[in-house]
Amino acid sequence: HKEHGGPQVPPHVTLLTGAETTRASAELKLKRLASRVQPLR
């Protein structure tokens, strides 16, 4: 970024994109998903 500029986006792996839902439904679904996720390499 220092050398080339551009957006500063946090490092991540995108699991899903373009989901359309309500905020309340998203929070519920993310809590359900997070409860089932184990650390992985």
All heavy atoms as atom14 arrays in JSON, in Angstrom:
{
  "sequence": "HKEHGGPQVPPHVTLLTGAETTRASAELKLKRLASRVQPLR",
  "atom14_mask": [
    [1, 1, 1, 1, 1, 1, 1, 1, 1, 1, 0, 0, 0, 0],
    [1, 1, 1, 1, 1, 1, 1, 1, 1, 0, 0, 0, 0, 0],
    [1, 1, 1, 1, 1, 1, 1, 1, 1, 0, 0, 0, 0, 0],
    [1, 1, 1, 1, 1, 1, 1, 1, 1, 1, 0, 0, 0, 0],
    [1, 1, 1, 1, 0, 0, 0, 0, 0, 0, 0, 0, 0, 0],
    [1, 1, 1, 1, 0, 0, 0, 0, 0, 0, 0, 0, 0, 0],
    [1, 1, 1, 1, 1, 1, 1, 0, 0, 0, 0, 0, 0, 0],
    [1, 1, 1, 1, 1, 1, 1, 1, 1, 0, 0, 0, 0, 0],
    [1, 1, 1, 1, 1, 1, 1, 0, 0, 0, 0, 0, 0, 0],
    [1, 1, 1, 1, 1, 1, 1, 0, 0, 0, 0, 0, 0, 0],
    [1, 1, 1, 1, 1, 1, 1, 0, 0, 0, 0, 0, 0, 0],
    [1, 1, 1, 1, 1, 1, 1, 1, 1, 1, 0, 0, 0, 0],
    [1, 1, 1, 1, 1, 1, 1, 0, 0, 0, 0, 0, 0, 0],
    [1, 1, 1, 1, 1, 1, 1, 0, 0, 0, 0, 0, 0, 0],
    [1, 1, 1, 1, 1, 1, 1, 1, 0, 0, 0, 0, 0, 0],
    [1, 1, 1, 1, 1, 1, 1, 1, 0, 0, 0, 0, 0, 0],
    [1, 1, 1, 1, 1, 1, 1, 0, 0, 0, 0, 0, 0, 0],
    [1, 1, 1, 1, 0, 0, 0, 0, 0, 0, 0, 0, 0, 0],
    [1, 1, 1, 1, 1, 0, 0, 0, 0, 0, 0, 0, 0, 0],
    [1, 1, 1, 1, 1, 1, 1, 1, 1, 0, 0, 0, 0, 0],
    [1, 1, 1, 1, 1, 1, 1, 0, 0, 0, 0, 0, 0, 0],
    [1, 1, 1, 1, 1, 1, 1, 0, 0, 0, 0, 0, 0, 0],
    [1, 1, 1, 1, 1, 1, 1, 1, 1, 1, 1, 0, 0, 0],
    [1, 1, 1, 1, 1, 0, 0, 0, 0, 0, 0, 0, 0, 0],
    [1, 1, 1, 1, 1, 1, 0, 0, 0, 0, 0, 0, 0, 0],
    [1, 1, 1, 1, 1, 0, 0, 0, 0, 0, 0, 0, 0, 0],
    [1, 1, 1, 1, 1, 1, 1, 1, 1, 0, 0, 0, 0, 0],
    [1, 1, 1, 1, 1, 1, 1, 1, 0, 0, 0, 0, 0, 0],
    [1, 1, 1, 1, 1, 1, 1, 1, 1, 0, 0, 0, 0, 0],
    [1, 1, 1, 1, 1, 1, 1, 1, 0, 0, 0, 0, 0, 0],
    [1, 1, 1, 1, 1, 1, 1, 1, 1, 0, 0, 0, 0, 0],
    [1, 1, 1, 1, 1, 1, 1, 1, 1, 1, 1, 0, 0, 0],
    [1, 1, 1, 1, 1, 1, 1, 1, 0, 0, 0, 0, 0, 0],
    [1, 1, 1, 1, 1, 0, 0, 0, 0, 0, 0, 0, 0, 0],
    [1, 1, 1, 1, 1, 1, 0, 0, 0, 0, 0, 0, 0, 0],
    [1, 1, 1, 1, 1, 1, 1, 1, 1, 1, 1, 0, 0, 0],
    [1, 1, 1, 1, 1, 1, 1, 0, 0, 0, 0, 0, 0, 0],
    [1, 1, 1, 1, 1, 1, 1, 1, 1, 0, 0, 0, 0, 0],
    [1, 1, 1, 1, 1, 1, 1, 0, 0, 0, 0, 0, 0, 0],
    [1, 1, 1, 1, 1, 1, 1, 1, 0, 0, 0, 0, 0, 0],
    [1, 1, 1, 1, 1, 1, 1, 1, 1, 1, 1, 0, 0, 0]
  ],
  "atom14_positions": [
    [[0.83, -1.2, 0.0], [0.0, 0.0, 0.0], [0.87, 1.25, 0.0], [0.57, 2.22, -0.71], [-0.95, 0.0, 1.2], [-1.89, 1.17, 1.17], [-1.62, 2.34, 1.84], [-3.07, 1.36, 0.53], [-2.59, 3.2, 1.62], [-3.48, 2.62, 0.83], [0.0, 0.0, 0.0], [0.0, 0.0, 0.0], [0.0, 0.0, 0.0], [0.0, 0.0, 0.0]],
    [[1.93, 1.23, 0.77], [2.83, 2.38, 0.84], [3.44, 2.67, -0.53], [3.56, 3.82, -0.94], [3.94, 2.13, 1.86], [4.86, 3.3, 2.07], [5.87, 3.0, 3.16], [6.8, 4.18, 3.37], [7.79, 3.91, 4.42], [0.0, 0.0, 0.0], [0.0, 0.0, 0.0], [0.0, 0.0, 0.0], [0.0, 0.0, 0.0], [0.0, 0.0, 0.0]],
    [[3.78, 1.62, -1.26], [4.42, 1.78, -2.57], [3.43, 2.07, -3.69], [3.7, 2.85, -4.59], [5.23, 0.54, -2.91], [6.06, 0.68, -4.17], [6.98, -0.5, -4.4], [7.31, -1.22, -3.44], [7.36, -0.71, -5.57], [0.0, 0.0, 0.0], [0.0, 0.0, 0.0], [0.0, 0.0, 0.0], [0.0, 0.0, 0.0], [0.0, 0.0, 0.0]],
    [[2.25, 1.45, -3.63], [1.34, 1.53, -4.77], [-0.01, 2.19, -4.48], [-0.77, 2.45, -5.41], [1.06, 0.12, -5.32], [2.29, -0.6, -5.73], [2.97, -0.31, -6.9], [3.0, -1.59, -5.14], [4.02, -1.09, -7.01], [4.06, -1.88, -5.95], [0.0, 0.0, 0.0], [0.0, 0.0, 0.0], [0.0, 0.0, 0.0], [0.0, 0.0, 0.0]],
    [[-0.36, 2.4, -3.21], [-1.65, 3.0, -2.87], [-2.78, 1.99, -3.01], [-2.56, 0.79, -2.97], [0.0, 0.0, 0.0], [0.0, 0.0, 0.0], [0.0, 0.0, 0.0], [0.0, 0.0, 0.0], [0.0, 0.0, 0.0], [0.0, 0.0, 0.0], [0.0, 0.0, 0.0], [0.0, 0.0, 0.0], [0.0, 0.0, 0.0], [0.0, 0.0, 0.0]],
    [[-3.98, 2.5, -3.2], [-5.15, 1.65, -3.36], [-5.92, 1.51, -2.07], [-5.54, 2.04, -1.03], [0.0, 0.0, 0.0], [0.0, 0.0, 0.0], [0.0, 0.0, 0.0], [0.0, 0.0, 0.0], [0.0, 0.0, 0.0], [0.0, 0.0, 0.0], [0.0, 0.0, 0.0], [0.0, 0.0, 0.0], [0.0, 0.0, 0.0], [0.0, 0.0, 0.0]],
    [[-7.03, 0.78, -2.13], [-7.87, 0.63, -0.94], [-7.19, -0.24, 0.12], [-6.4, -1.12, -0.21], [-9.12, -0.07, -1.48], [-8.63, -0.83, -2.67], [-7.54, 0.01, -3.27], [0.0, 0.0, 0.0], [0.0, 0.0, 0.0], [0.0, 0.0, 0.0], [0.0, 0.0, 0.0], [0.0, 0.0, 0.0], [0.0, 0.0, 0.0], [0.0, 0.0, 0.0]],
    [[-7.46, 0.05, 1.37], [-6.95, -0.76, 2.47], [-8.09, -1.65, 2.95], [-8.95, -1.21, 3.7], [-6.4, 0.12, 3.58], [-5.13, 0.84, 3.17], [-4.53, 1.63, 4.3], [-5.15, 2.56, 4.83], [-3.32, 1.27, 4.68], [0.0, 0.0, 0.0], [0.0, 0.0, 0.0], [0.0, 0.0, 0.0], [0.0, 0.0, 0.0], [0.0, 0.0, 0.0]],
    [[-8.08, -2.89, 2.51], [-9.12, -3.86, 2.85], [-8.52, -4.86, 3.83], [-7.42, -5.36, 3.59], [-9.62, -4.59, 1.58], [-10.67, -5.61, 1.92], [-10.15, -3.58, 0.57], [0.0, 0.0, 0.0], [0.0, 0.0, 0.0], [0.0, 0.0, 0.0], [0.0, 0.0, 0.0], [0.0, 0.0, 0.0], [0.0, 0.0, 0.0], [0.0, 0.0, 0.0]],
    [[-9.2, -5.16, 4.93], [-8.66, -6.14, 5.87], [-8.46, -7.49, 5.19], [-9.27, -7.88, 4.35], [-9.74, -6.24, 6.95], [-10.6, -5.04, 6.78], [-10.49, -4.63, 5.35], [0.0, 0.0, 0.0], [0.0, 0.0, 0.0], [0.0, 0.0, 0.0], [0.0, 0.0, 0.0], [0.0, 0.0, 0.0], [0.0, 0.0, 0.0], [0.0, 0.0, 0.0]],
    [[-7.39, -8.2, 5.54], [-7.17, -9.54, 4.95], [-8.36, -10.45, 5.28], [-8.84, -10.47, 6.4], [-5.91, -10.04, 5.65], [-5.27, -8.86, 6.26], [-6.35, -7.85, 6.5], [0.0, 0.0, 0.0], [0.0, 0.0, 0.0], [0.0, 0.0, 0.0], [0.0, 0.0, 0.0], [0.0, 0.0, 0.0], [0.0, 0.0, 0.0], [0.0, 0.0, 0.0]],
    [[-8.8, -11.2, 4.27], [-9.93, -12.09, 4.47], [-10.04, -13.08, 3.31], [-9.45, -12.88, 2.26], [-11.24, -11.29, 4.57], [-11.6, -10.61, 3.29], [-11.05, -9.4, 2.91], [-12.44, -10.97, 2.27], [-11.54, -9.05, 1.74], [-12.38, -10.0, 1.31], [0.0, 0.0, 0.0], [0.0, 0.0, 0.0], [0.0, 0.0, 0.0], [0.0, 0.0, 0.0]],
    [[-10.81, -14.12, 3.54], [-11.24, -15.04, 2.51], [-12.75, -14.88, 2.42], [-13.45, -15.0, 3.43], [-10.88, -16.52, 2.85], [-11.48, -17.47, 1.83], [-9.37, -16.69, 2.95], [0.0, 0.0, 0.0], [0.0, 0.0, 0.0], [0.0, 0.0, 0.0], [0.0, 0.0, 0.0], [0.0, 0.0, 0.0], [0.0, 0.0, 0.0], [0.0, 0.0, 0.0]],
    [[-13.25, -14.59, 1.24], [-14.69, -14.41, 1.06], [-15.35, -15.78, 0.97], [-15.04, -16.57, 0.09], [-14.99, -13.59, -0.2], [-14.31, -12.33, -0.1], [-16.48, -13.37, -0.37], [0.0, 0.0, 0.0], [0.0, 0.0, 0.0], [0.0, 0.0, 0.0], [0.0, 0.0, 0.0], [0.0, 0.0, 0.0], [0.0, 0.0, 0.0], [0.0, 0.0, 0.0]],
    [[-16.24, -16.06, 1.91], [-17.0, -17.32, 1.89], [-18.28, -17.18, 1.08], [-18.73, -18.12, 0.44], [-17.37, -17.75, 3.31], [-16.23, -18.1, 4.24], [-16.78, -18.46, 5.62], [-15.41, -19.24, 3.68], [0.0, 0.0, 0.0], [0.0, 0.0, 0.0], [0.0, 0.0, 0.0], [0.0, 0.0, 0.0], [0.0, 0.0, 0.0], [0.0, 0.0, 0.0]],
    [[-18.88, -16.0, 1.14], [-20.17, -15.77, 0.49], [-20.27, -14.29, 0.16], [-19.87, -13.45, 0.96], [-21.29, -16.17, 1.46], [-22.72, -16.01, 1.0], [-23.05, -17.03, -0.08], [-23.67, -16.19, 2.18], [0.0, 0.0, 0.0], [0.0, 0.0, 0.0], [0.0, 0.0, 0.0], [0.0, 0.0, 0.0], [0.0, 0.0, 0.0], [0.0, 0.0, 0.0]],
    [[-20.79, -13.98, -1.01], [-20.97, -12.59, -1.38], [-22.34, -12.39, -2.01], [-22.92, -13.33, -2.55], [-19.85, -12.12, -2.34], [-19.96, -10.71, -2.54], [-19.89, -12.83, -3.67], [0.0, 0.0, 0.0], [0.0, 0.0, 0.0], [0.0, 0.0, 0.0], [0.0, 0.0, 0.0], [0.0, 0.0, 0.0], [0.0, 0.0, 0.0], [0.0, 0.0, 0.0]],
    [[-22.86, -11.18, -1.89], [-24.13, -10.86, -2.52], [-25.36, -11.36, -1.8], [-26.44, -11.39, -2.39], [0.0, 0.0, 0.0], [0.0, 0.0, 0.0], [0.0, 0.0, 0.0], [0.0, 0.0, 0.0], [0.0, 0.0, 0.0], [0.0, 0.0, 0.0], [0.0, 0.0, 0.0], [0.0, 0.0, 0.0], [0.0, 0.0, 0.0], [0.0, 0.0, 0.0]],
    [[-25.24, -11.73, -0.55], [-26.41, -12.19, 0.21], [-27.34, -11.0, 0.46], [-26.89, -9.93, 0.84], [-25.98, -12.8, 1.53], [0.0, 0.0, 0.0], [0.0, 0.0, 0.0], [0.0, 0.0, 0.0], [0.0, 0.0, 0.0], [0.0, 0.0, 0.0], [0.0, 0.0, 0.0], [0.0, 0.0, 0.0], [0.0, 0.0, 0.0], [0.0, 0.0, 0.0]],
    [[-28.61, -11.18, 0.21], [-29.59, -10.12, 0.46], [-30.56, -10.6, 1.53], [-31.22, -11.63, 1.36], [-30.33, -9.76, -0.83], [-29.42, -9.09, -1.84], [-30.16, -8.59, -3.07], [-31.4, -8.73, -3.14], [-29.49, -8.05, -3.95], [0.0, 0.0, 0.0], [0.0, 0.0, 0.0], [0.0, 0.0, 0.0], [0.0, 0.0, 0.0], [0.0, 0.0, 0.0]],
    [[-30.64, -9.84, 2.61], [-31.48, -10.22, 3.75], [-31.7, -8.99, 4.61], [-31.17, -7.92, 4.33], [-30.79, -11.35, 4.55], [-31.67, -11.8, 5.58], [-29.48, -10.9, 5.17], [0.0, 0.0, 0.0], [0.0, 0.0, 0.0], [0.0, 0.0, 0.0], [0.0, 0.0, 0.0], [0.0, 0.0, 0.0], [0.0, 0.0, 0.0], [0.0, 0.0, 0.0]],
    [[-32.46, -9.13, 5.66], [-32.61, -8.03, 6.62], [-31.45, -8.09, 7.61], [-30.81, -9.13, 7.78], [-33.93, -8.14, 7.4], [-33.91, -9.34, 8.18], [-35.13, -8.14, 6.47], [0.0, 0.0, 0.0], [0.0, 0.0, 0.0], [0.0, 0.0, 0.0], [0.0, 0.0, 0.0], [0.0, 0.0, 0.0], [0.0, 0.0, 0.0], [0.0, 0.0, 0.0]],
    [[-31.19, -6.99, 8.27], [-30.11, -6.95, 9.26], [-30.37, -7.96, 10.39], [-29.48, -8.69, 10.79], [-29.96, -5.54, 9.83], [-28.78, -5.4, 10.79], [-28.54, -3.95, 11.18], [-28.36, -3.06, 10.06], [-27.23, -2.9, 9.39], [-26.17, -3.58, 9.74], [-27.14, -2.07, 8.38], [0.0, 0.0, 0.0], [0.0, 0.0, 0.0], [0.0, 0.0, 0.0]],
    [[-31.59, -8.03, 10.87], [-31.92, -8.96, 11.96], [-31.71, -10.4, 11.52], [-31.16, -11.22, 12.26], [-33.37, -8.75, 12.41], [0.0, 0.0, 0.0], [0.0, 0.0, 0.0], [0.0, 0.0, 0.0], [0.0, 0.0, 0.0], [0.0, 0.0, 0.0], [0.0, 0.0, 0.0], [0.0, 0.0, 0.0], [0.0, 0.0, 0.0], [0.0, 0.0, 0.0]],
    [[-32.13, -10.73, 10.3], [-31.95, -12.08, 9.79], [-30.47, -12.39, 9.6], [-30.01, -13.49, 9.91], [-32.7, -12.25, 8.47], [-32.52, -13.56, 7.97], [0.0, 0.0, 0.0], [0.0, 0.0, 0.0], [0.0, 0.0, 0.0], [0.0, 0.0, 0.0], [0.0, 0.0, 0.0], [0.0, 0.0, 0.0], [0.0, 0.0, 0.0], [0.0, 0.0, 0.0]],
    [[-29.71, -11.43, 9.11], [-28.27, -11.62, 8.92], [-27.59, -11.91, 10.26], [-26.75, -12.81, 10.35], [-27.66, -10.4, 8.26], [0.0, 0.0, 0.0], [0.0, 0.0, 0.0], [0.0, 0.0, 0.0], [0.0, 0.0, 0.0], [0.0, 0.0, 0.0], [0.0, 0.0, 0.0], [0.0, 0.0, 0.0], [0.0, 0.0, 0.0], [0.0, 0.0, 0.0]],
    [[-27.94, -11.14, 11.29], [-27.34, -11.36, 12.6], [-27.65, -12.75, 13.13], [-26.77, -13.44, 13.64], [-27.82, -10.29, 13.59], [-27.25, -8.92, 13.3], [-27.83, -7.82, 14.19], [-28.63, -8.14, 15.1], [-27.47, -6.65, 13.97], [0.0, 0.0, 0.0], [0.0, 0.0, 0.0], [0.0, 0.0, 0.0], [0.0, 0.0, 0.0], [0.0, 0.0, 0.0]],
    [[-28.88, -13.19, 12.99], [-29.28, -14.52, 13.44], [-28.52, -15.61, 12.66], [-27.97, -16.55, 13.25], [-30.79, -14.71, 13.26], [-31.37, -16.04, 13.68], [-31.23, -16.23, 15.18], [-32.82, -16.12, 13.27], [0.0, 0.0, 0.0], [0.0, 0.0, 0.0], [0.0, 0.0, 0.0], [0.0, 0.0, 0.0], [0.0, 0.0, 0.0], [0.0, 0.0, 0.0]],
    [[-28.46, -15.48, 11.35], [-27.78, -16.47, 10.52], [-26.28, -16.5, 10.79], [-25.66, -17.57, 10.82], [-28.05, -16.2, 9.05], [-29.5, -16.48, 8.66], [-29.78, -16.07, 7.22], [-31.23, -16.34, 6.86], [-31.52, -15.99, 5.47], [0.0, 0.0, 0.0], [0.0, 0.0, 0.0], [0.0, 0.0, 0.0], [0.0, 0.0, 0.0], [0.0, 0.0, 0.0]],
    [[-25.67, -15.33, 11.0], [-24.23, -15.29, 11.28], [-23.91, -15.91, 12.63], [-22.89, -16.61, 12.77], [-23.71, -13.85, 11.22], [-23.58, -13.28, 9.81], [-23.26, -11.79, 9.87], [-22.52, -14.02, 9.02], [0.0, 0.0, 0.0], [0.0, 0.0, 0.0], [0.0, 0.0, 0.0], [0.0, 0.0, 0.0], [0.0, 0.0, 0.0], [0.0, 0.0, 0.0]],
    [[-24.75, -15.69, 13.62], [-24.55, -16.33, 14.93], [-24.65, -17.84, 14.8], [-23.84, -18.58, 15.37], [-25.57, -15.82, 15.96], [-25.27, -14.43, 16.45], [-26.31, -13.95, 17.43], [-26.03, -12.51, 17.84], [-27.06, -11.98, 18.72], [0.0, 0.0, 0.0], [0.0, 0.0, 0.0], [0.0, 0.0, 0.0], [0.0, 0.0, 0.0], [0.0, 0.0, 0.0]],
    [[-25.62, -18.32, 14.02], [-25.78, -19.76, 13.79], [-24.55, -20.32, 13.08], [-24.03, -21.36, 13.45], [-27.04, -20.01, 12.96], [-27.36, -21.48, 12.81], [-28.6, -21.76, 11.96], [-29.68, -20.81, 12.19], [-30.49, -20.36, 11.24], [-30.35, -20.76, 10.0], [-31.45, -19.52, 11.52], [0.0, 0.0, 0.0], [0.0, 0.0, 0.0], [0.0, 0.0, 0.0]],
    [[-24.07, -19.63, 12.05], [-22.89, -20.07, 11.31], [-21.65, -20.06, 12.2], [-20.9, -21.03, 12.24], [-22.68, -19.18, 10.09], [-21.44, -19.47, 9.24], [-21.51, -20.87, 8.64], [-21.3, -18.42, 8.13], [0.0, 0.0, 0.0], [0.0, 0.0, 0.0], [0.0, 0.0, 0.0], [0.0, 0.0, 0.0], [0.0, 0.0, 0.0], [0.0, 0.0, 0.0]],
    [[-21.46, -18.98, 12.95], [-20.26, -18.85, 13.8], [-20.22, -19.95, 14.86], [-19.13, -20.42, 15.22], [-20.24, -17.47, 14.46], [0.0, 0.0, 0.0], [0.0, 0.0, 0.0], [0.0, 0.0, 0.0], [0.0, 0.0, 0.0], [0.0, 0.0, 0.0], [0.0, 0.0, 0.0], [0.0, 0.0, 0.0], [0.0, 0.0, 0.0], [0.0, 0.0, 0.0]],
    [[-21.36, -20.39, 15.35], [-21.38, -21.43, 16.38], [-20.93, -22.78, 15.83], [-20.57, -23.67, 16.58], [-22.78, -21.56, 16.99], [-23.68, -22.16, 16.07], [0.0, 0.0, 0.0], [0.0, 0.0, 0.0], [0.0, 0.0, 0.0], [0.0, 0.0, 0.0], [0.0, 0.0, 0.0], [0.0, 0.0, 0.0], [0.0, 0.0, 0.0], [0.0, 0.0, 0.0]],
    [[-20.93, -22.93, 14.5], [-20.56, -24.21, 13.88], [-19.17, -24.19, 13.25], [-18.71, -25.21, 12.76], [-21.6, -24.56, 12.82], [-23.0, -24.71, 13.44], [-24.03, -25.03, 12.43], [-23.81, -26.41, 11.95], [-24.56, -26.97, 11.04], [-25.53, -26.3, 10.47], [-24.33, -28.21, 10.64], [0.0, 0.0, 0.0], [0.0, 0.0, 0.0], [0.0, 0.0, 0.0]],
    [[-18.52, -23.04, 13.23], [-17.21, -22.91, 12.57], [-16.08, -23.25, 13.53], [-16.05, -22.77, 14.66], [-17.02, -21.48, 12.02], [-15.62, -21.29, 11.46], [-18.06, -21.19, 10.96], [0.0, 0.0, 0.0], [0.0, 0.0, 0.0], [0.0, 0.0, 0.0], [0.0, 0.0, 0.0], [0.0, 0.0, 0.0], [0.0, 0.0, 0.0], [0.0, 0.0, 0.0]],
    [[-15.18, -24.07, 13.06], [-13.97, -24.41, 13.8], [-12.78, -23.77, 13.09], [-12.81, -23.6, 11.87], [-13.79, -25.94, 13.84], [-14.91, -26.68, 14.52], [-15.0, -26.34, 15.99], [-14.01, -26.26, 16.68], [-16.22, -26.13, 16.46], [0.0, 0.0, 0.0], [0.0, 0.0, 0.0], [0.0, 0.0, 0.0], [0.0, 0.0, 0.0], [0.0, 0.0, 0.0]],
    [[-11.72, -23.42, 13.82], [-10.53, -22.87, 13.16], [-10.02, -23.84, 12.09], [-10.09, -25.06, 12.26], [-9.52, -22.73, 14.29], [-10.34, -22.67, 15.53], [-11.55, -23.51, 15.27], [0.0, 0.0, 0.0], [0.0, 0.0, 0.0], [0.0, 0.0, 0.0], [0.0, 0.0, 0.0], [0.0, 0.0, 0.0], [0.0, 0.0, 0.0], [0.0, 0.0, 0.0]],
    [[-9.53, -23.29, 10.98], [-8.98, -24.14, 9.95], [-7.75, -23.49, 9.33], [-7.57, -22.29, 9.42], [-10.02, -24.48, 8.87], [-10.54, -23.35, 8.0], [-10.78, -23.89, 6.61], [-11.84, -22.82, 8.56], [0.0, 0.0, 0.0], [0.0, 0.0, 0.0], [0.0, 0.0, 0.0], [0.0, 0.0, 0.0], [0.0, 0.0, 0.0], [0.0, 0.0, 0.0]],
    [[-6.93, -24.31, 8.75], [-5.7, -23.84, 8.11], [-5.99, -23.62, 6.63], [-6.56, -24.48, 5.97], [-4.6, -24.87, 8.28], [-3.24, -24.37, 7.87], [-2.16, -25.33, 8.3], [-1.99, -25.42, 9.73], [-1.22, -24.61, 10.46], [-0.57, -23.65, 9.87], [-1.11, -24.77, 11.76], [0.0, 0.0, 0.0], [0.0, 0.0, 0.0], [0.0, 0.0, 0.0]]
  ]
}
